[in-house]
Amino acid sequence: MEPARGRWQPLARRFGVRLGGAVLVLWAVATITFFAIRLIPGDPAEAILGGPGSQASAEALEAVRREYGLDLPLLQQYLMALGRLVVWDFGTSYALRQPVADVIAAQLPGTFLLALLALTLAWLIALGLALFSTLGMGTRGGRVAAAIGGTVETVAAALPHFWLAAVLVVVFSTWLRLLPPVSTSDASGLVLPVVTLAIPVAGFLAQVMRESLEQALGTPFALSARARGETEGGVRLRHALRHAALPGVNLSAWAFGYLVSGAVVVETIFARPGLGRSLLQAVTLRDVPLVTGIVLVSAIAYIVVTVVADAVSVVLDPRLRAPAREVAR
């Protein structure tokens, strides 16, 4: 029983670290959001009453401040807000007059579907670029392929979402008339937003995966596979690619967070409902409960993806499942 218990100890330790880090991240996100939203010029009481154009009286503003606790010291407001978040109470949206949880539940599926499709497409593009860039390593053709692949990766990673979205709309909607310029209810309305989000992420993933694949192709296990008669394609797909995917898996949590943040721009450009577009409107209107709820849910999604990516890394790399003394040997 002792060896089995010792084998599970690294995994339990990793889980404990992840859990503690998750609690710290959520606290930091809630704290930063609370104070940052209050640095935006304007009166939250006016936002509750419909904005500066509502021409609310001083008496109405004062009544709203008392009702929502806005007349209390800032530290007391912060502690009250944390207390509500601990019991998963996001409050009511100032602008929409709806429970924040209901607003998030309505917008969450669209944004997460967009991010997951973009992440899947980014992985496929990155794998293709990594394999293309390492074709014929050490030969003249291989150097040409590496130069082309490296250029494509760098350019893709540097493309801003707003510029890429504008180019895709001009080419595929205005010139070719193949895809709608805004999101629609059918699958065609997802194509341009997904491609816009996926291409920059694919550039980053391809860069790290190409370097890892080059290293894996020169390791002893790859040389041993070739000596056993394995084809070059078999060495890449059965052996090297599994090890090359590890850096990409570790970056997937960052990539998902990057995609969710990019949804603010993409959903606005393509007039697509979602958390990103709702967040932009909430910040503009100083809708503190809605901003806090969206940011916290996004942080939780990031944490979940991080845990999933960590579990996939353990599956791909058996060394992560072994006790530290076995790894040292």
Protein backbone atom coordinates (compact mmCIF):
# COMPACT_ATOMS: atom_id res chain seq x y z
CA MET A 1 0.00 0.00 0.00
CA GLU A 2 2.86 2.38 0.67
CA PRO A 3 4.07 2.59 -2.95
CA ALA A 4 0.51 3.29 -4.16
CA ARG A 5 0.05 6.00 -1.56
CA GLY A 6 3.41 7.50 -2.46
CA ARG A 7 2.47 7.51 -6.14
CA TRP A 8 -0.68 9.54 -5.45
CA GLN A 9 1.05 12.08 -3.23
CA PRO A 10 2.40 14.26 -6.11
CA LEU A 11 -1.07 14.45 -7.64
CA ALA A 12 -2.66 15.36 -4.29
CA ARG A 13 -0.01 18.02 -3.75
CA ARG A 14 -0.63 19.47 -7.21
CA PHE A 15 -4.39 19.55 -6.55
CA GLY A 16 -3.89 21.31 -3.21
CA VAL A 17 -1.66 23.94 -4.80
CA ARG A 18 -4.19 24.47 -7.60
CA LEU A 19 -7.07 24.82 -5.14
CA GLY A 20 -5.22 27.34 -2.99
CA GLY A 21 -4.17 29.28 -6.07
CA ALA A 22 -7.75 29.31 -7.34
CA VAL A 23 -9.06 30.87 -4.12
CA LEU A 24 -6.28 33.49 -4.22
CA VAL A 25 -6.98 34.32 -7.87
CA LEU A 26 -10.71 34.75 -7.27
CA TRP A 27 -10.08 37.03 -4.29
CA ALA A 28 -7.58 39.11 -6.29
CA VAL A 29 -9.95 39.38 -9.27
CA ALA A 30 -12.87 40.45 -7.05
CA THR A 31 -10.71 43.02 -5.24
CA ILE A 32 -9.16 44.55 -8.35
CA THR A 33 -12.52 44.71 -10.11
CA PHE A 34 -14.22 46.35 -7.11
CA PHE A 35 -11.70 49.17 -6.84
CA ALA A 36 -11.01 49.57 -10.58
CA ILE A 37 -14.67 50.09 -11.49
CA ARG A 38 -14.87 52.87 -8.90
CA LEU A 39 -12.03 54.75 -10.59
CA ILE A 40 -14.23 55.32 -13.64
CA PRO A 41 -15.59 58.88 -13.60
CA GLY A 42 -19.25 59.17 -12.71
CA ASP A 43 -21.68 58.45 -9.92
CA PRO A 44 -22.90 54.84 -9.47
CA ALA A 45 -26.19 56.21 -8.14
CA GLU A 46 -26.77 57.97 -11.46
CA ALA A 47 -26.06 54.71 -13.29
CA ILE A 48 -28.69 52.95 -11.20
CA LEU A 49 -31.25 55.63 -12.04
CA GLY A 50 -30.54 55.47 -15.78
CA GLY A 51 -27.36 57.49 -16.25
CA PRO A 52 -26.63 61.23 -16.32
CA GLY A 53 -29.45 61.79 -18.82
CA SER A 54 -32.06 60.69 -16.30
CA GLN A 55 -31.98 64.11 -14.57
CA ALA A 56 -32.59 62.45 -11.22
CA SER A 57 -33.18 64.75 -8.26
CA ALA A 58 -30.75 65.02 -5.38
CA GLU A 59 -33.29 63.34 -3.11
CA ALA A 60 -33.60 60.35 -5.48
CA LEU A 61 -29.83 60.02 -5.71
CA GLU A 62 -29.47 60.10 -1.96
CA ALA A 63 -32.19 57.46 -1.53
CA VAL A 64 -30.44 55.15 -4.01
CA ARG A 65 -27.10 55.59 -2.23
CA ARG A 66 -28.69 54.55 1.05
CA GLU A 67 -30.52 51.59 -0.54
CA TYR A 68 -27.40 50.17 -2.19
CA GLY A 69 -24.98 51.10 0.60
CA LEU A 70 -23.11 53.60 -1.57
CA ASP A 71 -23.08 56.12 1.28
CA LEU A 72 -20.99 53.78 3.44
CA PRO A 73 -17.17 53.98 3.70
CA LEU A 74 -15.42 52.31 0.76
CA LEU A 75 -13.82 49.62 2.92
CA GLN A 76 -17.20 48.65 4.35
CA GLN A 77 -18.67 48.48 0.83
CA TYR A 78 -15.78 46.22 -0.19
CA LEU A 79 -16.29 43.83 2.74
CA MET A 80 -20.04 43.67 2.08
CA ALA A 81 -19.40 42.92 -1.59
CA LEU A 82 -17.00 40.09 -0.67
CA GLY A 83 -19.55 38.66 1.74
CA ARG A 84 -22.19 38.52 -1.00
CA LEU A 85 -19.78 36.90 -3.44
CA VAL A 86 -18.88 34.19 -0.93
CA VAL A 87 -22.50 33.01 -1.00
CA TRP A 88 -22.60 33.39 -4.79
CA ASP A 89 -24.86 36.46 -4.73
CA PHE A 90 -23.93 38.75 -7.64
CA GLY A 91 -26.81 41.12 -6.98
CA THR A 92 -28.97 42.92 -9.57
CA SER A 93 -27.72 44.67 -12.68
CA TYR A 94 -28.07 48.44 -12.40
CA ALA A 95 -28.80 48.95 -16.10
CA LEU A 96 -30.80 45.83 -16.97
CA ARG A 97 -32.75 45.56 -13.70
CA GLN A 98 -32.25 41.79 -13.77
CA PRO A 99 -30.35 39.41 -11.50
CA VAL A 100 -26.73 39.29 -12.65
CA ALA A 101 -26.77 35.50 -12.48
CA ASP A 102 -29.62 35.41 -15.02
CA VAL A 103 -27.83 37.81 -17.38
CA ILE A 104 -24.64 35.75 -17.22
CA ALA A 105 -26.52 32.49 -17.72
CA ALA A 106 -28.09 33.91 -20.89
CA GLN A 107 -24.82 35.23 -22.35
CA LEU A 108 -22.37 32.57 -21.12
CA PRO A 109 -23.06 29.76 -23.66
CA GLY A 110 -22.47 31.96 -26.70
CA THR A 111 -19.11 33.29 -25.52
CA PHE A 112 -17.83 29.93 -24.32
CA LEU A 113 -18.89 28.24 -27.56
CA LEU A 114 -17.01 30.92 -29.49
CA ALA A 115 -13.90 30.51 -27.30
CA LEU A 116 -13.91 26.69 -27.43
CA LEU A 117 -14.34 26.61 -31.23
CA ALA A 118 -11.57 29.18 -31.62
CA LEU A 119 -9.26 27.20 -29.32
CA THR A 120 -9.93 23.99 -31.28
CA LEU A 121 -9.22 25.72 -34.59
CA ALA A 122 -6.09 27.35 -33.15
CA TRP A 123 -4.80 23.93 -32.08
CA LEU A 124 -5.39 22.45 -35.54
CA ILE A 125 -3.63 25.37 -37.24
CA ALA A 126 -0.75 25.24 -34.74
CA LEU A 127 -0.24 21.50 -35.22
CA GLY A 128 -0.23 21.94 -38.98
CA LEU A 129 2.29 24.78 -38.82
CA ALA A 130 4.54 22.89 -36.39
CA LEU A 131 4.58 19.79 -38.61
CA PHE A 132 5.17 21.85 -41.76
CA SER A 133 8.00 23.86 -40.18
CA THR A 134 9.92 20.70 -39.20
CA LEU A 135 9.61 18.91 -42.55
CA GLY A 136 12.98 17.72 -43.81
CA MET A 137 14.94 19.04 -40.83
CA GLY A 138 18.59 19.55 -41.69
CA THR A 139 18.01 19.70 -45.45
CA ARG A 140 17.74 22.70 -47.73
CA GLY A 141 14.03 22.11 -48.21
CA GLY A 142 13.62 21.78 -44.46
CA ARG A 143 15.28 25.17 -43.90
CA VAL A 144 12.93 26.77 -46.43
CA ALA A 145 9.91 25.17 -44.73
CA ALA A 146 11.15 26.34 -41.32
CA ALA A 147 11.60 29.90 -42.62
CA ILE A 148 8.11 29.97 -44.15
CA GLY A 149 6.50 28.41 -41.10
CA GLY A 150 8.34 30.73 -38.71
CA THR A 151 7.24 33.79 -40.70
CA VAL A 152 3.60 32.67 -40.74
CA GLU A 153 3.70 32.00 -36.97
CA THR A 154 5.18 35.41 -36.17
CA VAL A 155 2.78 37.32 -38.41
CA ALA A 156 -0.25 35.41 -37.09
CA ALA A 157 0.71 36.02 -33.45
CA ALA A 158 1.10 39.77 -34.08
CA LEU A 159 -2.28 40.34 -35.76
CA PRO A 160 -4.69 42.46 -33.66
CA HIS A 161 -8.26 41.24 -33.51
CA PHE A 162 -9.89 44.45 -34.74
CA TRP A 163 -7.65 44.63 -37.84
CA LEU A 164 -8.01 40.95 -38.66
CA ALA A 165 -11.79 41.12 -38.26
CA ALA A 166 -11.98 44.10 -40.62
CA VAL A 167 -9.88 42.33 -43.27
CA LEU A 168 -11.92 39.13 -43.05
CA VAL A 169 -15.18 41.06 -43.39
CA VAL A 170 -13.89 42.95 -46.45
CA VAL A 171 -12.59 39.80 -48.15
CA PHE A 172 -15.24 37.20 -47.32
CA SER A 173 -18.32 39.39 -46.90
CA THR A 174 -17.81 42.38 -49.20
CA TRP A 175 -15.71 40.96 -52.04
CA LEU A 176 -16.53 37.24 -52.14
CA ARG A 177 -19.97 37.46 -50.47
CA LEU A 178 -19.48 34.04 -48.90
CA LEU A 179 -20.09 34.80 -45.24
CA PRO A 180 -22.29 37.27 -43.32
CA PRO A 181 -20.50 40.34 -41.89
CA VAL A 182 -22.35 39.96 -38.56
CA SER A 183 -23.27 36.96 -36.47
CA THR A 184 -26.42 35.11 -37.44
CA SER A 185 -28.37 32.26 -35.89
CA ASP A 186 -26.85 29.63 -38.22
CA ALA A 187 -23.32 28.21 -38.33
CA SER A 188 -22.14 30.59 -41.05
CA GLY A 189 -22.35 33.47 -38.59
CA LEU A 190 -19.74 31.80 -36.37
CA VAL A 191 -17.05 31.37 -39.02
CA LEU A 192 -15.55 34.87 -39.13
CA PRO A 193 -15.62 35.45 -35.33
CA VAL A 194 -14.01 32.05 -34.68
CA VAL A 195 -11.29 32.58 -37.32
CA THR A 196 -10.61 36.09 -36.00
CA LEU A 197 -10.01 34.77 -32.49
CA ALA A 198 -8.14 31.62 -33.52
CA ILE A 199 -5.41 32.94 -35.84
CA PRO A 200 -3.38 35.00 -33.29
CA VAL A 201 -3.57 32.20 -30.71
CA ALA A 202 -2.49 29.66 -33.34
CA GLY A 203 0.63 31.72 -33.98
CA PHE A 204 1.67 31.60 -30.32
CA LEU A 205 0.90 27.89 -29.94
CA ALA A 206 2.74 27.01 -33.16
CA GLN A 207 5.89 28.77 -32.02
CA VAL A 208 6.24 26.81 -28.78
CA MET A 209 5.12 23.52 -30.36
CA ARG A 210 7.58 23.82 -33.24
CA GLU A 211 10.51 24.29 -30.86
CA SER A 212 9.39 21.36 -28.74
CA LEU A 213 8.87 19.17 -31.81
CA GLU A 214 12.35 19.95 -33.09
CA GLN A 215 13.82 18.91 -29.74
CA ALA A 216 11.68 15.75 -29.59
CA LEU A 217 12.79 14.63 -33.07
CA GLY A 218 16.41 14.67 -31.91
CA THR A 219 15.93 12.79 -28.64
CA PRO A 220 17.09 9.19 -28.04
CA PHE A 221 13.55 7.76 -28.14
CA ALA A 222 13.07 9.19 -31.65
CA LEU A 223 16.41 7.79 -32.80
CA SER A 224 15.50 4.42 -31.29
CA ALA A 225 12.17 4.40 -33.12
CA ARG A 226 13.92 5.08 -36.42
CA ALA A 227 16.37 2.26 -35.69
CA ARG A 228 13.44 -0.13 -35.24
CA GLY A 229 12.27 0.71 -38.76
CA GLU A 230 9.67 3.34 -37.91
CA THR A 231 8.94 5.74 -40.75
CA GLU A 232 9.59 9.45 -40.32
CA GLY A 233 5.86 10.09 -40.33
CA GLY A 234 5.36 7.44 -37.67
CA VAL A 235 8.09 8.95 -35.50
CA ARG A 236 6.37 12.34 -35.70
CA LEU A 237 2.79 11.22 -35.13
CA ARG A 238 3.30 8.34 -32.67
CA HIS A 239 6.21 9.61 -30.60
CA ALA A 240 7.43 13.18 -31.10
CA LEU A 241 4.07 14.92 -31.46
CA ARG A 242 2.88 13.70 -28.05
CA HIS A 243 5.86 15.35 -26.35
CA ALA A 244 5.66 18.43 -28.55
CA ALA A 245 2.03 18.96 -27.51
CA LEU A 246 2.91 19.42 -23.83
CA PRO A 247 3.91 23.12 -24.08
CA GLY A 248 0.76 23.79 -26.09
CA VAL A 249 -1.39 22.06 -23.48
CA ASN A 250 0.24 24.11 -20.73
CA LEU A 251 -0.53 27.28 -22.72
CA SER A 252 -4.13 26.32 -23.37
CA ALA A 253 -5.39 27.91 -20.14
CA TRP A 254 -3.69 31.20 -21.07
CA ALA A 255 -5.07 30.83 -24.61
CA PHE A 256 -8.62 30.34 -23.33
CA GLY A 257 -8.36 33.44 -21.14
CA TYR A 258 -6.94 35.36 -24.08
CA LEU A 259 -9.85 34.22 -26.24
CA VAL A 260 -12.46 35.23 -23.66
CA SER A 261 -10.87 38.69 -23.34
CA GLY A 262 -10.67 38.95 -27.13
CA ALA A 263 -14.39 38.24 -27.29
CA VAL A 264 -14.97 41.80 -26.03
CA VAL A 265 -13.67 43.13 -29.36
CA VAL A 266 -14.91 40.35 -31.61
CA GLU A 267 -18.47 40.23 -30.24
CA THR A 268 -18.72 44.01 -30.59
CA ILE A 269 -17.44 44.03 -34.19
CA PHE A 270 -19.65 41.16 -35.33
CA ALA A 271 -22.68 42.27 -33.25
CA ARG A 272 -22.72 38.92 -31.48
CA PRO A 273 -24.42 38.55 -28.07
CA GLY A 274 -22.11 37.31 -25.34
CA LEU A 275 -20.21 38.06 -22.16
CA GLY A 276 -17.64 40.23 -23.92
CA ARG A 277 -20.19 42.59 -25.41
CA SER A 278 -22.15 42.67 -22.14
CA LEU A 279 -18.96 43.48 -20.21
CA LEU A 280 -18.16 46.42 -22.47
CA GLN A 281 -21.66 47.84 -22.03
CA ALA A 282 -21.55 47.25 -18.26
CA VAL A 283 -18.24 49.10 -17.88
CA THR A 284 -19.57 52.00 -19.96
CA LEU A 285 -22.67 52.24 -17.76
CA ARG A 286 -20.74 51.66 -14.49
CA ASP A 287 -22.88 48.59 -13.83
CA VAL A 288 -20.75 47.37 -10.94
CA PRO A 289 -22.61 44.11 -10.12
CA LEU A 290 -22.65 42.97 -13.76
CA VAL A 291 -18.97 43.81 -14.30
CA THR A 292 -17.99 41.94 -11.14
CA GLY A 293 -20.10 38.90 -12.04
CA ILE A 294 -18.77 38.62 -15.60
CA VAL A 295 -15.14 39.04 -14.53
CA LEU A 296 -15.47 36.44 -11.76
CA VAL A 297 -17.18 33.90 -14.01
CA SER A 298 -14.44 34.41 -16.60
CA ALA A 299 -11.82 33.86 -13.90
CA ILE A 300 -13.55 30.64 -12.79
CA ALA A 301 -13.62 29.42 -16.39
CA TYR A 302 -9.89 30.17 -16.66
CA ILE A 303 -9.21 28.17 -13.49
CA VAL A 304 -11.27 25.21 -14.75
CA VAL A 305 -9.40 25.18 -18.06
CA THR A 306 -6.11 25.37 -16.15
CA VAL A 307 -7.05 22.30 -14.11
CA VAL A 308 -8.13 20.41 -17.25
CA ALA A 309 -4.90 21.34 -19.02
CA ASP A 310 -2.93 20.19 -15.99
CA ALA A 311 -4.78 16.84 -16.02
CA VAL A 312 -4.08 16.38 -19.73
CA SER A 313 -0.40 17.13 -19.10
CA VAL A 314 -0.32 14.39 -16.46
CA VAL A 315 -1.85 11.95 -18.97
CA LEU A 316 0.65 12.89 -21.70
CA ASP A 317 3.70 12.95 -19.43
CA PRO A 318 3.93 9.94 -17.05
CA ARG A 319 6.80 11.63 -15.19
CA LEU A 320 4.27 13.99 -13.60
CA ARG A 321 2.52 10.99 -12.01
CA ALA A 322 5.69 9.56 -10.50
CA PRO A 323 6.96 10.42 -7.01
CA ALA A 324 9.85 12.87 -6.92
CA ARG A 325 12.39 10.18 -5.89
CA GLU A 326 11.52 8.09 -8.97
CA VAL A 327 11.93 11.09 -11.26
CA ALA A 328 15.32 11.81 -9.68
CA ARG A 329 16.47 8.27 -10.39
